[in-house]
């Protein structure tokens, strides 16, 4: 875990509490993949063998957004996909990411109780 991530975990709860949560795999376009665990307020993401804690941020209606300002990682989740960005470098790291649940039309387990998505 990066140094700034330890501070974030300390402010928002113990890192061990997140470690006990269910881990979800997200499969993205271009054969990219990341894993998440945590709660609707604090998500731990594992990307390219590194782990980062992302705190929930305010977002547009119909989406969820999680960000780590120190690392620059920014996860945006819509009803049918997620995108992972690095806002420090201005790059999109992964696009059209879905969990197995999302591929069947369900919300990923982390977000099922947050009711952020508006049905069309």
PDB file of N, CA and C in Angstrom:
ATOM      1  N   UNK A   1       0.853  -1.164   0.000  1.00  0.00           N
ATOM      2  CA  UNK A   1       0.000   0.000   0.000  1.00  0.00           C
ATOM      3  C   UNK A   1       0.901   1.230   0.000  1.00  0.00           C
ATOM      4  N   UNK A   2       0.570   2.219  -0.805  1.00  0.00           N
ATOM      5  CA  UNK A   2       1.360   3.441  -0.871  1.00  0.00           C
ATOM      6  C   UNK A   2       1.201   4.240   0.415  1.00  0.00           C
ATOM      7  N   UNK A   3       2.174   5.079   0.691  1.00  0.00           N
ATOM      8  CA  UNK A   3       2.201   5.842   1.945  1.00  0.00           C
ATOM      9  C   UNK A   3       0.933   6.677   2.129  1.00  0.00           C
ATOM     10  N   UNK A   4       0.504   7.397   1.092  1.00  0.00           N
ATOM     11  CA  UNK A   4      -0.700   8.218   1.191  1.00  0.00           C
ATOM     12  C   UNK A   4      -1.945   7.389   1.421  1.00  0.00           C
ATOM     13  N   UNK A   5      -1.913   6.139   0.928  1.00  0.00           N
ATOM     14  CA  UNK A   5      -3.056   5.268   1.109  1.00  0.00           C
ATOM     15  C   UNK A   5      -3.191   4.844   2.571  1.00  0.00           C
ATOM     16  N   UNK A   6      -2.063   4.698   3.271  1.00  0.00           N
ATOM     17  CA  UNK A   6      -2.117   4.360   4.694  1.00  0.00           C
ATOM     18  C   UNK A   6      -2.793   5.473   5.477  1.00  0.00           C
ATOM     19  N   UNK A   7      -2.469   6.702   5.132  1.00  0.00           N
ATOM     20  CA  UNK A   7      -3.096   7.835   5.815  1.00  0.00           C
ATOM     21  C   UNK A   7      -4.593   7.846   5.555  1.00  0.00           C
ATOM     22  N   UNK A   8      -4.980   7.583   4.312  1.00  0.00           N
ATOM     23  CA  UNK A   8      -6.395   7.546   3.972  1.00  0.00           C
ATOM     24  C   UNK A   8      -7.093   6.442   4.754  1.00  0.00           C
ATOM     25  N   UNK A   9      -6.485   5.256   4.791  1.00  0.00           N
ATOM     26  CA  UNK A   9      -7.097   4.150   5.525  1.00  0.00           C
ATOM     27  C   UNK A   9      -7.219   4.488   7.001  1.00  0.00           C
ATOM     28  N   UNK A  10      -6.215   5.155   7.561  1.00  0.00           N
ATOM     29  CA  UNK A  10      -6.258   5.532   8.969  1.00  0.00           C
ATOM     30  C   UNK A  10      -7.370   6.515   9.259  1.00  0.00           C
ATOM     31  N   UNK A  11      -7.614   7.425   8.336  1.00  0.00           N
ATOM     32  CA  UNK A  11      -8.666   8.422   8.533  1.00  0.00           C
ATOM     33  C   UNK A  11     -10.059   7.821   8.383  1.00  0.00           C
ATOM     34  N   UNK A  12     -10.184   6.838   7.533  1.00  0.00           N
ATOM     35  CA  UNK A  12     -11.506   6.333   7.189  1.00  0.00           C
ATOM     36  C   UNK A  12     -11.836   4.995   7.830  1.00  0.00           C
ATOM     37  N   UNK A  13     -10.926   4.418   8.577  1.00  0.00           N
ATOM     38  CA  UNK A  13     -11.167   3.119   9.202  1.00  0.00           C
ATOM     39  C   UNK A  13      -9.963   2.240   8.988  1.00  0.00           C
ATOM     40  N   UNK A  14      -9.925   1.153   9.691  1.00  0.00           N
ATOM     41  CA  UNK A  14      -8.739   0.307   9.616  1.00  0.00           C
ATOM     42  C   UNK A  14      -8.661  -0.419   8.285  1.00  0.00           C
ATOM     43  N   UNK A  15      -7.436  -0.591   7.811  1.00  0.00           N
ATOM     44  CA  UNK A  15      -7.213  -1.296   6.557  1.00  0.00           C
ATOM     45  C   UNK A  15      -7.652  -2.747   6.674  1.00  0.00           C
ATOM     46  N   UNK A  16      -7.549  -3.332   7.858  1.00  0.00           N
ATOM     47  CA  UNK A  16      -7.931  -4.734   8.021  1.00  0.00           C
ATOM     48  C   UNK A  16      -9.436  -4.927   7.822  1.00  0.00           C
ATOM     49  N   UNK A  17     -10.227  -3.913   8.110  1.00  0.00           N
ATOM     50  CA  UNK A  17     -11.672  -4.024   7.905  1.00  0.00           C
ATOM     51  C   UNK A  17     -11.981  -4.197   6.421  1.00  0.00           C
ATOM     52  N   UNK A  18     -11.239  -3.502   5.567  1.00  0.00           N
ATOM     53  CA  UNK A  18     -11.450  -3.628   4.131  1.00  0.00           C
ATOM     54  C   UNK A  18     -10.969  -4.986   3.654  1.00  0.00           C
ATOM     55  N   UNK A  19      -9.867  -5.468   4.212  1.00  0.00           N
ATOM     56  CA  UNK A  19      -9.285  -6.726   3.771  1.00  0.00           C
ATOM     57  C   UNK A  19     -10.252  -7.895   3.938  1.00  0.00           C
ATOM     58  N   UNK A  20     -11.197  -7.799   4.855  1.00  0.00           N
ATOM     59  CA  UNK A  20     -12.146  -8.881   5.096  1.00  0.00           C
ATOM     60  C   UNK A  20     -13.351  -8.844   4.158  1.00  0.00           C
ATOM     61  N   UNK A  21     -13.455  -7.820   3.342  1.00  0.00           N
ATOM     62  CA  UNK A  21     -14.592  -7.687   2.440  1.00  0.00           C
ATOM     63  C   UNK A  21     -14.432  -8.602   1.222  1.00  0.00           C
ATOM     64  N   UNK A  22     -15.529  -8.859   0.563  1.00  0.00           N
ATOM     65  CA  UNK A  22     -15.531  -9.667  -0.655  1.00  0.00           C
ATOM     66  C   UNK A  22     -14.732  -8.958  -1.751  1.00  0.00           C
ATOM     67  N   UNK A  23     -13.957  -9.727  -2.500  1.00  0.00           N
ATOM     68  CA  UNK A  23     -13.160  -9.179  -3.601  1.00  0.00           C
ATOM     69  C   UNK A  23     -13.903  -9.433  -4.902  1.00  0.00           C
ATOM     70  N   UNK A  24     -14.018  -8.389  -5.713  1.00  0.00           N
ATOM     71  CA  UNK A  24     -14.704  -8.483  -6.994  1.00  0.00           C
ATOM     72  C   UNK A  24     -13.710  -8.202  -8.109  1.00  0.00           C
ATOM     73  N   UNK A  25     -13.760  -9.013  -9.164  1.00  0.00           N
ATOM     74  CA  UNK A  25     -12.907  -8.823 -10.328  1.00  0.00           C
ATOM     75  C   UNK A  25     -13.693  -8.093 -11.407  1.00  0.00           C
ATOM     76  N   UNK A  26     -13.077  -7.064 -11.968  1.00  0.00           N
ATOM     77  CA  UNK A  26     -13.640  -6.288 -13.071  1.00  0.00           C
ATOM     78  C   UNK A  26     -12.826  -6.604 -14.317  1.00  0.00           C
ATOM     79  N   UNK A  27     -13.502  -7.023 -15.387  1.00  0.00           N
ATOM     80  CA  UNK A  27     -12.852  -7.314 -16.651  1.00  0.00           C
ATOM     81  C   UNK A  27     -13.160  -6.172 -17.608  1.00  0.00           C
ATOM     82  N   UNK A  28     -12.113  -5.663 -18.248  1.00  0.00           N
ATOM     83  CA  UNK A  28     -12.233  -4.468 -19.073  1.00  0.00           C
ATOM     84  C   UNK A  28     -11.858  -4.756 -20.528  1.00  0.00           C
ATOM     85  N   UNK A  29     -12.095  -3.761 -21.386  1.00  0.00           N
ATOM     86  CA  UNK A  29     -11.670  -3.890 -22.773  1.00  0.00           C
ATOM     87  C   UNK A  29     -10.144  -3.958 -22.814  1.00  0.00           C
ATOM     88  N   UNK A  30      -9.625  -4.400 -23.928  1.00  0.00           N
ATOM     89  CA  UNK A  30      -8.175  -4.541 -24.137  1.00  0.00           C
ATOM     90  C   UNK A  30      -7.538  -5.491 -23.127  1.00  0.00           C
ATOM     91  N   UNK A  31      -8.300  -6.477 -22.654  1.00  0.00           N
ATOM     92  CA  UNK A  31      -7.820  -7.514 -21.723  1.00  0.00           C
ATOM     93  C   UNK A  31      -7.259  -6.960 -20.415  1.00  0.00           C
ATOM     94  N   UNK A  32      -7.735  -5.804 -19.993  1.00  0.00           N
ATOM     95  CA  UNK A  32      -7.306  -5.225 -18.718  1.00  0.00           C
ATOM     96  C   UNK A  32      -8.232  -5.709 -17.619  1.00  0.00           C
ATOM     97  N   UNK A  33      -7.743  -5.640 -16.380  1.00  0.00           N
ATOM     98  CA  UNK A  33      -8.515  -6.156 -15.256  1.00  0.00           C
ATOM     99  C   UNK A  33      -8.060  -5.471 -13.972  1.00  0.00           C
ATOM    100  N   UNK A  34      -9.001  -5.278 -13.035  1.00  0.00           N
ATOM    101  CA  UNK A  34      -8.655  -4.830 -11.693  1.00  0.00           C
ATOM    102  C   UNK A  34      -9.595  -5.490 -10.711  1.00  0.00           C
ATOM    103  N   UNK A  35      -9.257  -5.406  -9.427  1.00  0.00           N
ATOM    104  CA  UNK A  35     -10.077  -6.004  -8.370  1.00  0.00           C
ATOM    105  C   UNK A  35     -10.451  -4.927  -7.370  1.00  0.00           C
ATOM    106  N   UNK A  36     -11.635  -5.086  -6.774  1.00  0.00           N
ATOM    107  CA  UNK A  36     -12.080  -4.159  -5.738  1.00  0.00           C
ATOM    108  C   UNK A  36     -12.582  -4.938  -4.528  1.00  0.00           C
ATOM    109  N   UNK A  37     -12.507  -4.275  -3.383  1.00  0.00           N
ATOM    110  CA  UNK A  37     -13.135  -4.737  -2.153  1.00  0.00           C
ATOM    111  C   UNK A  37     -13.477  -3.483  -1.368  1.00  0.00           C
ATOM    112  N   UNK A  38     -14.225  -3.634  -0.300  1.00  0.00           N
ATOM    113  CA  UNK A  38     -14.545  -2.480   0.526  1.00  0.00           C
ATOM    114  C   UNK A  38     -16.023  -2.255   0.680  1.00  0.00           C
ATOM    115  N   UNK A  39     -16.371  -0.986   0.843  1.00  0.00           N
ATOM    116  CA  UNK A  39     -17.758  -0.585   1.089  1.00  0.00           C
ATOM    117  C   UNK A  39     -18.161   0.466   0.070  1.00  0.00           C
ATOM    118  N   UNK A  40     -19.394   0.941   0.171  1.00  0.00           N
ATOM    119  CA  UNK A  40     -19.829   1.996  -0.741  1.00  0.00           C
ATOM    120  C   UNK A  40     -19.125   3.323  -0.468  1.00  0.00           C
ATOM    121  N   UNK A  41     -18.468   3.462   0.683  1.00  0.00           N
ATOM    122  CA  UNK A  41     -17.781   4.714   1.017  1.00  0.00           C
ATOM    123  C   UNK A  41     -16.271   4.674   0.776  1.00  0.00           C
ATOM    124  N   UNK A  42     -15.669   3.491   0.872  1.00  0.00           N
ATOM    125  CA  UNK A  42     -14.225   3.361   0.690  1.00  0.00           C
ATOM    126  C   UNK A  42     -13.941   2.067  -0.056  1.00  0.00           C
ATOM    127  N   UNK A  43     -13.394   2.192  -1.245  1.00  0.00           N
ATOM    128  CA  UNK A  43     -13.101   1.048  -2.095  1.00  0.00           C
ATOM    129  C   UNK A  43     -11.590   0.866  -2.170  1.00  0.00           C
ATOM    130  N   UNK A  44     -11.145  -0.369  -1.993  1.00  0.00           N
ATOM    131  CA  UNK A  44      -9.740  -0.713  -2.202  1.00  0.00           C
ATOM    132  C   UNK A  44      -9.649  -1.336  -3.587  1.00  0.00           C
ATOM    133  N   UNK A  45      -8.811  -0.759  -4.417  1.00  0.00           N
ATOM    134  CA  UNK A  45      -8.645  -1.256  -5.783  1.00  0.00           C
ATOM    135  C   UNK A  45      -7.235  -1.798  -5.948  1.00  0.00           C
ATOM    136  N   UNK A  46      -7.133  -2.937  -6.619  1.00  0.00           N
ATOM    137  CA  UNK A  46      -5.835  -3.506  -6.961  1.00  0.00           C
ATOM    138  C   UNK A  46      -5.696  -3.405  -8.473  1.00  0.00           C
ATOM    139  N   UNK A  47      -4.719  -2.625  -8.902  1.00  0.00           N
ATOM    140  CA  UNK A  47      -4.473  -2.346 -10.316  1.00  0.00           C
ATOM    141  C   UNK A  47      -2.986  -2.555 -10.573  1.00  0.00           C
ATOM    142  N   UNK A  48      -2.677  -3.406 -11.526  1.00  0.00           N
ATOM    143  CA  UNK A  48      -1.292  -3.692 -11.891  1.00  0.00           C
ATOM    144  C   UNK A  48      -0.432  -4.011 -10.667  1.00  0.00           C
ATOM    145  N   UNK A  49      -0.924  -4.911  -9.840  1.00  0.00           N
ATOM    146  CA  UNK A  49      -0.230  -5.425  -8.646  1.00  0.00           C
ATOM    147  C   UNK A  49       0.002  -4.383  -7.555  1.00  0.00           C
ATOM    148  N   UNK A  50      -0.662  -3.243  -7.634  1.00  0.00           N
ATOM    149  CA  UNK A  50      -0.576  -2.218  -6.588  1.00  0.00           C
ATOM    150  C   UNK A  50      -1.973  -1.975  -6.042  1.00  0.00           C
ATOM    151  N   UNK A  51      -2.033  -1.650  -4.756  1.00  0.00           N
ATOM    152  CA  UNK A  51      -3.317  -1.452  -4.091  1.00  0.00           C
ATOM    153  C   UNK A  51      -3.474  -0.002  -3.661  1.00  0.00           C
ATOM    154  N   UNK A  52      -4.670   0.539  -3.886  1.00  0.00           N
ATOM    155  CA  UNK A  52      -4.974   1.925  -3.550  1.00  0.00           C
ATOM    156  C   UNK A  52      -6.352   1.986  -2.891  1.00  0.00           C
ATOM    157  N   UNK A  53      -6.508   2.861  -1.913  1.00  0.00           N
ATOM    158  CA  UNK A  53      -7.806   3.107  -1.295  1.00  0.00           C
ATOM    159  C   UNK A  53      -8.412   4.345  -1.933  1.00  0.00           C
ATOM    160  N   UNK A  54      -9.642   4.223  -2.404  1.00  0.00           N
ATOM    161  CA  UNK A  54     -10.339   5.316  -3.059  1.00  0.00           C
ATOM    162  C   UNK A  54     -11.568   5.680  -2.240  1.00  0.00           C
ATOM    163  N   UNK A  55     -11.706   6.945  -1.949  1.00  0.00           N
ATOM    164  CA  UNK A  55     -12.819   7.452  -1.152  1.00  0.00           C
ATOM    165  C   UNK A  55     -13.944   7.903  -2.083  1.00  0.00           C
ATOM    166  N   UNK A  56     -15.178   7.624  -1.664  1.00  0.00           N
ATOM    167  CA  UNK A  56     -16.329   8.041  -2.468  1.00  0.00           C
ATOM    168  C   UNK A  56     -16.396   9.567  -2.536  1.00  0.00           C
ATOM    169  N   UNK A  57     -16.679  10.053  -3.727  1.00  0.00           N
ATOM    170  CA  UNK A  57     -16.790  11.483  -3.993  1.00  0.00           C
ATOM    171  C   UNK A  57     -18.198  11.785  -4.501  1.00  0.00           C
ATOM    172  N   UNK A  58     -18.585  13.031  -4.440  1.00  0.00           N
ATOM    173  CA  UNK A  58     -19.840  13.438  -5.062  1.00  0.00           C
ATOM    174  C   UNK A  58     -19.708  13.237  -6.564  1.00  0.00           C
ATOM    175  N   UNK A  59     -20.798  12.830  -7.197  1.00  0.00           N
ATOM    176  CA  UNK A  59     -20.759  12.591  -8.635  1.00  0.00           C
ATOM    177  C   UNK A  59     -22.084  12.988  -9.261  1.00  0.00           C
ATOM    178  N   UNK A  60     -22.104  12.934 -10.571  1.00  0.00           N
ATOM    179  CA  UNK A  60     -23.325  13.249 -11.298  1.00  0.00           C
ATOM    180  C   UNK A  60     -24.377  12.192 -11.009  1.00  0.00           C
ATOM    181  N   UNK A  61     -25.658  12.563 -11.093  1.00  0.00           N
ATOM    182  CA  UNK A  61     -26.711  11.556 -10.888  1.00  0.00           C
ATOM    183  C   UNK A  61     -26.518  10.390 -11.857  1.00  0.00           C
ATOM    184  N   UNK A  62     -26.743   9.182 -11.357  1.00  0.00           N
ATOM    185  CA  UNK A  62     -26.603   8.003 -12.194  1.00  0.00           C
ATOM    186  C   UNK A  62     -25.201   7.434 -12.239  1.00  0.00           C
ATOM    187  N   UNK A  63     -24.304   7.949 -11.397  1.00  0.00           N
ATOM    188  CA  UNK A  63     -22.941   7.424 -11.383  1.00  0.00           C
ATOM    189  C   UNK A  63     -22.387   7.426  -9.963  1.00  0.00           C
ATOM    190  N   UNK A  64     -21.336   6.649  -9.774  1.00  0.00           N
ATOM    191  CA  UNK A  64     -20.565   6.650  -8.532  1.00  0.00           C
ATOM    192  C   UNK A  64     -19.134   7.001  -8.885  1.00  0.00           C
ATOM    193  N   UNK A  65     -18.477   7.713  -7.988  1.00  0.00           N
ATOM    194  CA  UNK A  65     -17.094   8.106  -8.259  1.00  0.00           C
ATOM    195  C   UNK A  65     -16.265   7.901  -7.004  1.00  0.00           C
ATOM    196  N   UNK A  66     -15.096   7.299  -7.190  1.00  0.00           N
ATOM    197  CA  UNK A  66     -14.155   7.027  -6.103  1.00  0.00           C
ATOM    198  C   UNK A  66     -12.793   7.550  -6.517  1.00  0.00           C
ATOM    199  N   UNK A  67     -12.128   8.253  -5.592  1.00  0.00           N
ATOM    200  CA  UNK A  67     -10.889   8.913  -5.966  1.00  0.00           C
ATOM    201  C   UNK A  67      -9.844   8.805  -4.862  1.00  0.00           C
ATOM    202  N   UNK A  68      -8.591   8.717  -5.296  1.00  0.00           N
ATOM    203  CA  UNK A  68      -7.439   8.825  -4.408  1.00  0.00           C
ATOM    204  C   UNK A  68      -6.602   9.975  -4.955  1.00  0.00           C
ATOM    205  N   UNK A  69      -6.667  11.118  -4.296  1.00  0.00           N
ATOM    206  CA  UNK A  69      -5.971  12.316  -4.782  1.00  0.00           C
ATOM    207  C   UNK A  69      -4.463  12.154  -4.780  1.00  0.00           C
ATOM    208  N   UNK A  70      -3.923  11.362  -3.847  1.00  0.00           N
ATOM    209  CA  UNK A  70      -2.472  11.172  -3.788  1.00  0.00           C
ATOM    210  C   UNK A  70      -1.945  10.396  -4.988  1.00  0.00           C
ATOM    211  N   UNK A  71      -2.607   9.303  -5.337  1.00  0.00           N
ATOM    212  CA  UNK A  71      -2.140   8.478  -6.457  1.00  0.00           C
ATOM    213  C   UNK A  71      -2.699   8.952  -7.791  1.00  0.00           C
ATOM    214  N   UNK A  72      -3.842   9.645  -7.761  1.00  0.00           N
ATOM    215  CA  UNK A  72      -4.492  10.102  -8.986  1.00  0.00           C
ATOM    216  C   UNK A  72      -5.530   9.134  -9.521  1.00  0.00           C
ATOM    217  N   UNK A  73      -5.705   7.978  -8.886  1.00  0.00           N
ATOM    218  CA  UNK A  73      -6.673   7.002  -9.378  1.00  0.00           C
ATOM    219  C   UNK A  73      -8.102   7.495  -9.155  1.00  0.00           C
ATOM    220  N   UNK A  74      -8.917   7.331 -10.189  1.00  0.00           N
ATOM    221  CA  UNK A  74     -10.283   7.830 -10.208  1.00  0.00           C
ATOM    222  C   UNK A  74     -11.148   6.763 -10.875  1.00  0.00           C
ATOM    223  N   UNK A  75     -12.057   6.148 -10.111  1.00  0.00           N
ATOM    224  CA  UNK A  75     -12.938   5.105 -10.618  1.00  0.00           C
ATOM    225  C   UNK A  75     -14.333   5.686 -10.771  1.00  0.00           C
ATOM    226  N   UNK A  76     -14.866   5.628 -11.980  1.00  0.00           N
ATOM    227  CA  UNK A  76     -16.213   6.105 -12.266  1.00  0.00           C
ATOM    228  C   UNK A  76     -17.056   4.895 -12.654  1.00  0.00           C
ATOM    229  N   UNK A  77     -18.163   4.698 -11.933  1.00  0.00           N
ATOM    230  CA  UNK A  77     -19.027   3.541 -12.174  1.00  0.00           C
ATOM    231  C   UNK A  77     -20.387   4.037 -12.651  1.00  0.00           C
ATOM    232  N   UNK A  78     -20.786   3.566 -13.833  1.00  0.00           N
ATOM    233  CA  UNK A  78     -22.104   3.840 -14.377  1.00  0.00           C
ATOM    234  C   UNK A  78     -22.926   2.567 -14.233  1.00  0.00           C
ATOM    235  N   UNK A  79     -24.161   2.588 -14.651  1.00  0.00           N
ATOM    236  CA  UNK A  79     -25.015   1.419 -14.511  1.00  0.00           C
ATOM    237  C   UNK A  79     -24.515   0.196 -15.260  1.00  0.00           C
ATOM    238  N   UNK A  80     -23.878   0.399 -16.417  1.00  0.00           N
ATOM    239  CA  UNK A  80     -23.475  -0.744 -17.231  1.00  0.00           C
ATOM    240  C   UNK A  80     -21.965  -0.923 -17.376  1.00  0.00           C
ATOM    241  N   UNK A  81     -21.167  -0.011 -16.834  1.00  0.00           N
ATOM    242  CA  UNK A  81     -19.714  -0.144 -16.966  1.00  0.00           C
ATOM    243  C   UNK A  81     -19.004   0.758 -15.969  1.00  0.00           C
ATOM    244  N   UNK A  82     -17.715   0.533 -15.849  1.00  0.00           N
ATOM    245  CA  UNK A  82     -16.858   1.401 -15.045  1.00  0.00           C
ATOM    246  C   UNK A  82     -15.649   1.786 -15.884  1.00  0.00           C
ATOM    247  N   UNK A  83     -15.044   2.898 -15.510  1.00  0.00           N
ATOM    248  CA  UNK A  83     -13.830   3.369 -16.167  1.00  0.00           C
ATOM    249  C   UNK A  83     -12.847   3.763 -15.079  1.00  0.00           C
ATOM    250  N   UNK A  84     -11.591   3.443 -15.288  1.00  0.00           N
ATOM    251  CA  UNK A  84     -10.539   3.793 -14.343  1.00  0.00           C
ATOM    252  C   UNK A  84      -9.610   4.792 -15.006  1.00  0.00           C
ATOM    253  N   UNK A  85      -9.412   5.920 -14.334  1.00  0.00           N
ATOM    254  CA  UNK A  85      -8.560   6.990 -14.844  1.00  0.00           C
ATOM    255  C   UNK A  85      -7.399   7.234 -13.885  1.00  0.00           C
ATOM    256  N   UNK A  86      -6.368   7.890 -14.400  1.00  0.00           N
ATOM    257  CA  UNK A  86      -5.371   8.499 -13.533  1.00  0.00           C
ATOM    258  C   UNK A  86      -5.434   9.981 -13.845  1.00  0.00           C
ATOM    259  N   UNK A  87      -6.011  10.758 -12.917  1.00  0.00           N
ATOM    260  CA  UNK A  87      -6.225  12.175 -13.173  1.00  0.00           C
ATOM    261  C   UNK A  87      -4.934  12.977 -13.069  1.00  0.00           C
ATOM    262  N   UNK A  88      -3.906  12.417 -12.429  1.00  0.00           N
ATOM    263  CA  UNK A  88      -2.615  13.109 -12.377  1.00  0.00           C
ATOM    264  C   UNK A  88      -1.930  13.089 -13.738  1.00  0.00           C
ATOM    265  N   UNK A  89      -2.002  11.949 -14.423  1.00  0.00           N
ATOM    266  CA  UNK A  89      -1.361  11.838 -15.731  1.00  0.00           C
ATOM    267  C   UNK A  89      -2.327  12.148 -16.870  1.00  0.00           C
ATOM    268  N   UNK A  90      -3.616  12.285 -16.551  1.00  0.00           N
ATOM    269  CA  UNK A  90      -4.610  12.590 -17.573  1.00  0.00           C
ATOM    270  C   UNK A  90      -4.869  11.422 -18.517  1.00  0.00           C
ATOM    271  N   UNK A  91      -4.779  10.186 -17.991  1.00  0.00           N
ATOM    272  CA  UNK A  91      -4.967   9.017 -18.848  1.00  0.00           C
ATOM    273  C   UNK A  91      -6.128   8.149 -18.371  1.00  0.00           C
ATOM    274  N   UNK A  92      -6.734   7.480 -19.324  1.00  0.00           N
ATOM    275  CA  UNK A  92      -7.744   6.473 -19.023  1.00  0.00           C
ATOM    276  C   UNK A  92      -6.996   5.151 -18.959  1.00  0.00           C
ATOM    277  N   UNK A  93      -6.997   4.537 -17.791  1.00  0.00           N
ATOM    278  CA  UNK A  93      -6.251   3.298 -17.587  1.00  0.00           C
ATOM    279  C   UNK A  93      -7.020   2.077 -18.079  1.00  0.00           C
ATOM    280  N   UNK A  94      -8.339   2.083 -17.883  1.00  0.00           N
ATOM    281  CA  UNK A  94      -9.175   0.949 -18.287  1.00  0.00           C
ATOM    282  C   UNK A  94     -10.568   1.456 -18.630  1.00  0.00           C
ATOM    283  N   UNK A  95     -11.167   0.847 -19.659  1.00  0.00           N
ATOM    284  CA  UNK A  95     -12.483   1.276 -20.118  1.00  0.00           C
ATOM    285  C   UNK A  95     -13.396   0.064 -20.267  1.00  0.00           C
ATOM    286  N   UNK A  96     -14.662   0.328 -20.229  1.00  0.00           N
ATOM    287  CA  UNK A  96     -15.724  -0.668 -20.329  1.00  0.00           C
ATOM    288  C   UNK A  96     -15.442  -1.868 -19.431  1.00  0.00           C
ATOM    289  N   UNK A  97     -15.314  -1.581 -18.153  1.00  0.00           N
ATOM    290  CA  UNK A  97     -15.041  -2.607 -17.145  1.00  0.00           C
ATOM    291  C   UNK A  97     -16.354  -3.076 -16.544  1.00  0.00           C
ATOM    292  N   UNK A  98     -16.503  -4.382 -16.399  1.00  0.00           N
ATOM    293  CA  UNK A  98     -17.714  -4.956 -15.826  1.00  0.00           C
ATOM    294  C   UNK A  98     -17.362  -6.112 -14.897  1.00  0.00           C
ATOM    295  N   UNK A  99     -18.178  -6.271 -13.878  1.00  0.00           N
ATOM    296  CA  UNK A  99     -18.087  -7.450 -13.018  1.00  0.00           C
ATOM    297  C   UNK A  99     -18.926  -8.547 -13.664  1.00  0.00           C
ATOM    298  N   UNK A 100     -18.790  -9.767 -13.163  1.00  0.00           N
ATOM    299  CA  UNK A 100     -19.632 -10.865 -13.656  1.00  0.00           C
ATOM    300  C   UNK A 100     -21.105 -10.532 -13.421  1.00  0.00           C
ATOM    301  N   UNK A 101     -21.405  -9.881 -12.284  1.00  0.00           N
ATOM    302  CA  UNK A 101     -22.790  -9.490 -11.983  1.00  0.00           C
ATOM    303  C   UNK A 101     -23.324  -8.513 -13.021  1.00  0.00           C
ATOM    304  N   UNK A 102     -22.498  -7.545 -13.399  1.00  0.00           N
ATOM    305  CA  UNK A 102     -22.924  -6.529 -14.356  1.00  0.00           C
ATOM    306  C   UNK A 102     -23.210  -7.139 -15.725  1.00  0.00           C
ATOM    307  N   UNK A 103     -22.454  -8.170 -16.087  1.00  0.00           N
ATOM    308  CA  UNK A 103     -22.657  -8.817 -17.381  1.00  0.00           C
ATOM    309  C   UNK A 103     -24.008  -9.507 -17.455  1.00  0.00           C
ATOM    310  N   UNK A 104     -24.621  -9.792 -16.292  1.00  0.00           N
ATOM    311  CA  UNK A 104     -25.962 -10.395 -16.270  1.00  0.00           C
ATOM    312  C   UNK A 104     -27.046  -9.352 -15.990  1.00  0.00           C
ATOM    313  N   UNK A 105     -26.669  -8.063 -15.967  1.00  0.00           N
ATOM    314  CA  UNK A 105     -27.636  -6.995 -15.764  1.00  0.00           C
ATOM    315  C   UNK A 105     -27.816  -6.545 -14.325  1.00  0.00           C
ATOM    316  N   UNK A 106     -27.041  -7.106 -13.394  1.00  0.00           N
ATOM    317  CA  UNK A 106     -27.147  -6.723 -11.983  1.00  0.00           C
ATOM    318  C   UNK A 106     -26.089  -5.687 -11.630  1.00  0.00           C
ATOM    319  N   UNK A 107     -26.296  -5.029 -10.496  1.00  0.00           N
ATOM    320  CA  UNK A 107     -25.293  -4.101  -9.987  1.00  0.00           C
ATOM    321  C   UNK A 107     -24.197  -4.885  -9.288  1.00  0.00           C
ATOM    322  N   UNK A 108     -22.959  -4.389  -9.316  1.00  0.00           N
ATOM    323  CA  UNK A 108     -21.907  -5.053  -8.551  1.00  0.00           C
ATOM    324  C   UNK A 108     -22.238  -4.985  -7.067  1.00  0.00           C
ATOM    325  N   UNK A 109     -21.829  -6.002  -6.294  1.00  0.00           N
ATOM    326  CA  UNK A 109     -22.247  -6.107  -4.896  1.00  0.00           C
ATOM    327  C   UNK A 109     -21.885  -4.878  -4.063  1.00  0.00           C
ATOM    328  N   UNK A 110     -20.760  -4.244  -4.342  1.00  0.00           N
ATOM    329  CA  UNK A 110     -20.360  -3.064  -3.560  1.00  0.00           C
ATOM    330  C   UNK A 110     -21.367  -1.928  -3.675  1.00  0.00           C
ATOM    331  N   UNK A 111     -22.042  -1.852  -4.798  1.00  0.00           N
ATOM    332  CA  UNK A 111     -22.884  -0.698  -5.096  1.00  0.00           C
ATOM    333  C   UNK A 111     -24.369  -0.995  -5.019  1.00  0.00           C
ATOM    334  N   UNK A 112     -24.735  -2.232  -4.744  1.00  0.00           N
ATOM    335  CA  UNK A 112     -26.149  -2.618  -4.771  1.00  0.00           C
ATOM    336  C   UNK A 112     -26.993  -1.850  -3.761  1.00  0.00           C
ATOM    337  N   UNK A 113     -26.439  -1.484  -2.608  1.00  0.00           N
ATOM    338  CA  UNK A 113     -27.222  -0.778  -1.592  1.00  0.00           C
ATOM    339  C   UNK A 113     -27.163   0.734  -1.710  1.00  0.00           C
ATOM    340  N   UNK A 114     -26.391   1.251  -2.661  1.00  0.00           N
ATOM    341  CA  UNK A 114     -26.236   2.706  -2.758  1.00  0.00           C
ATOM    342  C   UNK A 114     -27.281   3.357  -3.650  1.00  0.00           C
ATOM    343  N   UNK A 115     -27.954   2.574  -4.475  1.00  0.00           N
ATOM    344  CA  UNK A 115     -29.024   3.048  -5.354  1.00  0.00           C
ATOM    345  C   UNK A 115     -28.655   4.322  -6.126  1.00  0.00           C
ATOM    346  N   UNK A 116     -27.487   4.345  -6.793  1.00  0.00           N
ATOM    347  CA  UNK A 116     -27.102   5.554  -7.491  1.00  0.00           C
ATOM    348  C   UNK A 116     -27.621   5.633  -8.909  1.00  0.00           C
ATOM    349  N   UNK A 117     -28.082   4.514  -9.463  1.00  0.00           N
ATOM    350  CA  UNK A 117     -28.348   4.459 -10.882  1.00  0.00           C
ATOM    351  C   UNK A 117     -29.811   4.711 -11.190  1.00  0.00           C
ATOM    352  N   UNK A 118     -30.042   5.485 -12.241  1.00  0.00           N
ATOM    353  CA  UNK A 118     -31.382   5.825 -12.668  1.00  0.00           C
ATOM    354  C   UNK A 118     -31.725   4.955 -13.871  1.00  0.00           C
ATOM    355  N   UNK A 119     -32.821   4.245 -13.789  1.00  0.00           N
ATOM    356  CA  UNK A 119     -33.233   3.387 -14.902  1.00  0.00           C
ATOM    357  C   UNK A 119     -33.842   4.262 -16.006  1.00  0.00           C
ATOM    358  N   UNK A 120     -33.565   3.926 -17.245  1.00  0.00           N
ATOM    359  CA  UNK A 120     -34.112   4.668 -18.386  1.00  0.00           C
ATOM    360  C   UNK A 120     -35.445   4.097 -18.794  1.00  0.00           C
TER     361      UNK A 120
END
